[in-house]
Amino acid sequence: MAKNPARTDTDLSDKEAQEMAETTDVSPQQAKDLAAKHGKDEAKKKAKNYKAEG
Protein backbone atom coordinates (compact mmCIF):
# COMPACT_ATOMS: atom_id res chain seq x y z
CA MET A 1 0.00 0.00 0.00
CA ALA A 2 1.38 3.38 -0.99
CA LYS A 3 1.97 5.84 1.78
CA ASN A 4 -0.17 8.96 1.65
CA PRO A 5 2.22 11.95 1.57
CA ALA A 6 -0.41 14.14 3.26
CA ARG A 7 -0.37 11.95 6.39
CA THR A 8 2.26 12.48 9.00
CA ASP A 9 3.49 10.47 11.95
CA THR A 10 1.03 12.41 14.09
CA ASP A 11 -2.07 11.50 12.07
CA LEU A 12 -4.10 8.73 13.65
CA SER A 13 -7.01 7.27 11.68
CA ASP A 14 -10.34 6.53 13.35
CA LYS A 15 -9.57 2.82 13.12
CA GLU A 16 -6.12 3.24 14.70
CA ALA A 17 -7.58 5.42 17.46
CA GLN A 18 -10.29 2.84 18.17
CA GLU A 19 -7.74 0.01 18.30
CA MET A 20 -5.57 1.98 20.73
CA ALA A 21 -8.64 2.74 22.87
CA GLU A 22 -9.57 -0.95 23.00
CA THR A 23 -6.11 -2.01 24.18
CA THR A 24 -5.48 0.84 26.63
CA ASP A 25 -7.44 3.00 29.06
CA VAL A 26 -7.78 6.01 26.74
CA SER A 27 -10.70 7.15 24.62
CA PRO A 28 -10.35 7.34 20.83
CA GLN A 29 -10.17 11.14 21.10
CA GLN A 30 -7.44 10.93 23.75
CA ALA A 31 -5.53 8.56 21.47
CA LYS A 32 -5.72 11.09 18.62
CA ASP A 33 -4.65 13.90 20.95
CA LEU A 34 -1.67 11.91 22.18
CA ALA A 35 -0.62 11.08 18.61
CA ALA A 36 -0.92 14.72 17.58
CA LYS A 37 1.25 15.80 20.49
CA HIS A 38 3.83 12.98 20.61
CA GLY A 39 3.64 10.97 17.37
CA LYS A 40 2.11 7.53 16.92
CA ASP A 41 4.81 5.39 18.50
CA GLU A 42 5.23 7.55 21.58
CA ALA A 43 1.44 7.91 21.92
CA LYS A 44 1.07 4.14 22.16
CA LYS A 45 3.65 4.02 24.94
CA LYS A 46 2.04 6.91 26.83
CA ALA A 47 -1.47 5.47 26.43
CA LYS A 48 -0.41 2.33 28.28
CA ASN A 49 0.50 4.50 31.28
CA TYR A 50 -2.95 6.12 31.45
CA LYS A 51 -5.29 4.86 34.14
CA ALA A 52 -9.04 4.59 33.70
CA GLU A 53 -11.00 7.29 35.46
CA GLY A 54 -13.43 6.30 38.16
C-alpha atoms as a PDB file:
ATOM      1  CA  MET A   1       0.000   0.000   0.000  1.00  0.00           C
ATOM      2  CA  ALA A   2       1.375   3.376  -0.993  1.00  0.00           C
ATOM      3  CA  LYS A   3       1.973   5.844   1.776  1.00  0.00           C
ATOM      4  CA  ASN A   4      -0.167   8.964   1.647  1.00  0.00           C
ATOM      5  CA  PRO A   5       2.217  11.955   1.570  1.00  0.00           C
ATOM      6  CA  ALA A   6      -0.408  14.141   3.264  1.00  0.00           C
ATOM      7  CA  ARG A   7      -0.367  11.954   6.389  1.00  0.00           C
ATOM      8  CA  THR A   8       2.264  12.481   9.005  1.00  0.00           C
ATOM      9  CA  ASP A   9       3.485  10.468  11.954  1.00  0.00           C
ATOM     10  CA  THR A  10       1.033  12.414  14.092  1.00  0.00           C
ATOM     11  CA  ASP A  11      -2.073  11.505  12.069  1.00  0.00           C
ATOM     12  CA  LEU A  12      -4.102   8.729  13.649  1.00  0.00           C
ATOM     13  CA  SER A  13      -7.012   7.267  11.675  1.00  0.00           C
ATOM     14  CA  ASP A  14     -10.337   6.534  13.348  1.00  0.00           C
ATOM     15  CA  LYS A  15      -9.569   2.820  13.115  1.00  0.00           C
ATOM     16  CA  GLU A  16      -6.123   3.237  14.701  1.00  0.00           C
ATOM     17  CA  ALA A  17      -7.576   5.418  17.465  1.00  0.00           C
ATOM     18  CA  GLN A  18     -10.289   2.835  18.174  1.00  0.00           C
ATOM     19  CA  GLU A  19      -7.740   0.007  18.303  1.00  0.00           C
ATOM     20  CA  MET A  20      -5.571   1.979  20.734  1.00  0.00           C
ATOM     21  CA  ALA A  21      -8.637   2.742  22.869  1.00  0.00           C
ATOM     22  CA  GLU A  22      -9.566  -0.947  23.000  1.00  0.00           C
ATOM     23  CA  THR A  23      -6.113  -2.012  24.178  1.00  0.00           C
ATOM     24  CA  THR A  24      -5.484   0.836  26.633  1.00  0.00           C
ATOM     25  CA  ASP A  25      -7.443   3.000  29.055  1.00  0.00           C
ATOM     26  CA  VAL A  26      -7.775   6.008  26.743  1.00  0.00           C
ATOM     27  CA  SER A  27     -10.698   7.148  24.625  1.00  0.00           C
ATOM     28  CA  PRO A  28     -10.347   7.337  20.834  1.00  0.00           C
ATOM     29  CA  GLN A  29     -10.166  11.143  21.098  1.00  0.00           C
ATOM     30  CA  GLN A  30      -7.444  10.930  23.749  1.00  0.00           C
ATOM     31  CA  ALA A  31      -5.532   8.559  21.467  1.00  0.00           C
ATOM     32  CA  LYS A  32      -5.722  11.091  18.623  1.00  0.00           C
ATOM     33  CA  ASP A  33      -4.655  13.901  20.949  1.00  0.00           C
ATOM     34  CA  LEU A  34      -1.671  11.908  22.180  1.00  0.00           C
ATOM     35  CA  ALA A  35      -0.620  11.084  18.613  1.00  0.00           C
ATOM     36  CA  ALA A  36      -0.919  14.724  17.581  1.00  0.00           C
ATOM     37  CA  LYS A  37       1.246  15.799  20.494  1.00  0.00           C
ATOM     38  CA  HIS A  38       3.828  12.981  20.614  1.00  0.00           C
ATOM     39  CA  GLY A  39       3.637  10.975  17.366  1.00  0.00           C
ATOM     40  CA  LYS A  40       2.112   7.529  16.919  1.00  0.00           C
ATOM     41  CA  ASP A  41       4.812   5.389  18.496  1.00  0.00           C
ATOM     42  CA  GLU A  42       5.231   7.550  21.584  1.00  0.00           C
ATOM     43  CA  ALA A  43       1.442   7.911  21.919  1.00  0.00           C
ATOM     44  CA  LYS A  44       1.069   4.138  22.156  1.00  0.00           C
ATOM     45  CA  LYS A  45       3.653   4.022  24.943  1.00  0.00           C
ATOM     46  CA  LYS A  46       2.044   6.907  26.829  1.00  0.00           C
ATOM     47  CA  ALA A  47      -1.471   5.469  26.427  1.00  0.00           C
ATOM     48  CA  LYS A  48      -0.409   2.333  28.277  1.00  0.00           C
ATOM     49  CA  ASN A  49       0.504   4.501  31.279  1.00  0.00           C
ATOM     50  CA  TYR A  50      -2.949   6.121  31.455  1.00  0.00           C
ATOM     51  CA  LYS A  51      -5.289   4.855  34.137  1.00  0.00           C
ATOM     52  CA  ALA A  52      -9.042   4.591  33.699  1.00  0.00           C
ATOM     53  CA  GLU A  53     -11.005   7.286  35.456  1.00  0.00           C
ATOM     54  CA  GLY A  54     -13.426   6.299  38.160  1.00  0.00           C
END
